[in-house]
Amino acid sequence: MSIWFNKSLTIKNIAPISKNTLGEHIGMEFSEIGEDYLKATMPVDHRTHQPYGLLHGGASAALAETLGSVSSALVIDQEKFICVGIEINANHVRSVRSGIVTGTCTPIHIGATTHVWDIRIHDERNKLVCVSRLTVAILKKK
């Protein structure tokens, strides 16, 4: 059963969310949506490198936060609620110099007032690059 508020949600519906955001600036693209997961890709290039030519940990965290925040927004009734990130952590387990990384976001907890998301980022060889957890607060619109 789908976790999404809009049961007919597609990737085409999600793409406009990135317009004029950090995600668009660094090349993130939503790539796949399933019953209980959302995926996005991000290039590993001059926009996402740190000084040693490796994927910047902050870029990985940005991909994770984007995936988790958008996932929360897609779960709630946006006419009644907003969602805001309140905590993120990221463990960087493998370096990447170039190519594309893919983040997959799945729920750990979807409650009335908080959501907790697991985001796993893999390289093109499907090797784990980063494990992240994002906690999101669900607030009533004023």
Protein backbone atom coordinates (compact mmCIF):
# COMPACT_ATOMS: atom_id res chain seq x y z
CA MET A 1 0.00 0.00 0.00
CA SER A 2 1.29 3.44 -0.94
CA ILE A 3 2.45 5.83 1.79
CA TRP A 4 1.90 8.88 -0.43
CA PHE A 5 -1.01 11.26 0.20
CA ASN A 6 -1.70 11.46 -3.56
CA LYS A 7 -2.08 7.81 -4.56
CA SER A 8 -1.53 8.61 -8.27
CA LEU A 9 1.78 10.43 -7.68
CA THR A 10 4.45 10.16 -10.40
CA ILE A 11 7.99 11.45 -10.86
CA LYS A 12 6.62 14.06 -13.28
CA ASN A 13 4.52 15.47 -10.40
CA ILE A 14 7.62 15.78 -8.20
CA ALA A 15 10.06 17.40 -10.67
CA PRO A 16 8.68 20.98 -10.27
CA ILE A 17 9.48 20.91 -6.54
CA SER A 18 13.19 21.35 -7.39
CA LYS A 19 12.79 24.55 -9.42
CA ASN A 20 15.06 27.34 -8.10
CA THR A 21 16.46 25.27 -5.20
CA LEU A 22 19.85 24.06 -4.02
CA GLY A 23 18.96 20.67 -5.50
CA GLU A 24 18.47 22.12 -8.97
CA HIS A 25 21.68 24.16 -8.65
CA ILE A 26 23.82 21.09 -7.94
CA GLY A 27 22.04 18.80 -10.40
CA MET A 28 19.79 16.63 -8.24
CA GLU A 29 17.01 14.86 -10.14
CA PHE A 30 14.19 12.72 -8.78
CA SER A 31 14.44 9.42 -10.61
CA GLU A 32 12.00 6.86 -9.20
CA ILE A 33 9.04 6.57 -6.86
CA GLY A 34 7.62 3.37 -5.42
CA GLU A 35 4.95 2.43 -2.90
CA ASP A 36 7.23 3.38 0.02
CA TYR A 37 10.41 4.89 -1.41
CA LEU A 38 11.71 7.87 -3.36
CA LYS A 39 14.98 7.98 -5.31
CA ALA A 40 17.05 10.86 -6.65
CA THR A 41 20.39 11.16 -8.39
CA MET A 42 23.16 13.72 -8.01
CA PRO A 43 26.28 14.25 -10.11
CA VAL A 44 29.71 14.03 -8.55
CA ASP A 45 31.47 16.92 -10.28
CA HIS A 46 32.83 20.43 -9.66
CA ARG A 47 29.51 21.43 -8.04
CA THR A 48 29.59 18.67 -5.44
CA HIS A 49 33.34 18.15 -4.85
CA GLN A 50 35.34 19.12 -1.79
CA PRO A 51 38.93 20.42 -2.21
CA TYR A 52 40.44 16.91 -2.54
CA GLY A 53 38.25 16.15 -5.55
CA LEU A 54 35.93 13.83 -3.61
CA LEU A 55 32.17 14.02 -3.12
CA HIS A 56 31.57 16.62 -0.41
CA GLY A 57 29.88 15.22 2.71
CA GLY A 58 27.63 18.27 2.74
CA ALA A 59 26.44 17.45 -0.76
CA SER A 60 25.53 13.95 0.40
CA ALA A 61 23.70 15.45 3.37
CA ALA A 62 21.90 17.86 1.03
CA LEU A 63 20.75 14.95 -1.14
CA ALA A 64 19.58 13.07 1.96
CA GLU A 65 17.74 16.09 3.39
CA THR A 66 16.11 16.80 0.03
CA LEU A 67 14.88 13.23 -0.32
CA GLY A 68 13.57 13.03 3.26
CA SER A 69 11.95 16.46 3.25
CA VAL A 70 10.25 15.92 -0.09
CA SER A 71 9.11 12.47 1.04
CA SER A 72 7.50 13.99 4.15
CA ALA A 73 5.82 16.67 2.03
CA LEU A 74 4.40 13.94 -0.21
CA VAL A 75 3.00 11.99 2.76
CA ILE A 76 1.11 14.85 4.41
CA ASP A 77 -1.98 16.80 3.37
CA GLN A 78 -0.22 20.01 2.34
CA GLU A 79 -3.46 21.96 2.66
CA LYS A 80 -3.40 21.33 6.42
CA PHE A 81 0.25 20.71 7.36
CA ILE A 82 3.84 21.75 6.70
CA CYS A 83 6.96 19.75 7.41
CA VAL A 84 10.36 20.96 8.62
CA GLY A 85 13.57 19.06 9.16
CA ILE A 86 14.72 19.02 12.78
CA GLU A 87 17.70 16.64 12.76
CA ILE A 88 19.95 14.97 10.21
CA ASN A 89 22.98 12.77 10.54
CA ALA A 90 25.17 11.23 7.88
CA ASN A 91 27.87 8.59 7.97
CA HIS A 92 30.20 8.79 4.97
CA VAL A 93 31.47 5.27 4.35
CA ARG A 94 33.08 5.43 0.89
CA SER A 95 34.53 8.18 -1.26
CA VAL A 96 33.47 8.98 -4.81
CA ARG A 97 35.41 11.09 -7.32
CA SER A 98 33.09 11.22 -10.32
CA GLY A 99 29.91 9.90 -11.87
CA ILE A 100 26.44 9.82 -10.36
CA VAL A 101 25.25 8.85 -6.90
CA THR A 102 21.72 7.69 -6.16
CA GLY A 103 19.88 8.23 -2.91
CA THR A 104 17.02 6.00 -1.81
CA CYS A 105 14.70 7.24 0.93
CA THR A 106 12.46 4.90 2.92
CA PRO A 107 10.42 5.50 6.06
CA ILE A 108 11.49 4.35 9.50
CA HIS A 109 8.54 6.06 11.20
CA ILE A 110 5.56 8.00 9.82
CA GLY A 111 3.69 9.47 12.76
CA ALA A 112 1.23 12.30 13.24
CA THR A 113 3.87 14.76 14.47
CA THR A 114 7.19 13.32 13.28
CA HIS A 115 8.60 11.36 10.37
CA VAL A 116 11.95 9.57 10.45
CA TRP A 117 13.58 8.63 7.13
CA ASP A 118 16.45 6.31 6.21
CA ILE A 119 18.43 7.56 3.21
CA ARG A 120 21.11 5.37 1.62
CA ILE A 121 23.35 6.80 -1.08
CA HIS A 122 25.10 4.45 -3.52
CA ASP A 123 27.59 4.99 -6.33
CA GLU A 124 27.24 3.69 -9.87
CA ARG A 125 28.68 0.30 -8.82
CA ASN A 126 25.93 0.08 -6.17
CA LYS A 127 28.54 0.51 -3.41
CA LEU A 128 27.27 2.24 -0.28
CA VAL A 129 28.62 5.79 -0.01
CA CYS A 130 26.56 7.35 2.77
CA VAL A 131 23.93 6.35 5.33
CA SER A 132 21.75 9.15 6.65
CA ARG A 133 18.75 9.57 8.93
CA LEU A 134 16.46 12.59 8.83
CA THR A 135 13.82 13.52 11.40
CA VAL A 136 11.04 15.84 10.23
CA ALA A 137 8.46 17.66 12.36
CA ILE A 138 4.88 17.82 11.05
CA LEU A 139 3.20 21.10 11.98
CA LYS A 140 -0.36 22.33 11.50
CA LYS A 141 -0.63 25.27 9.11
CA LYS A 142 -1.57 28.52 10.80
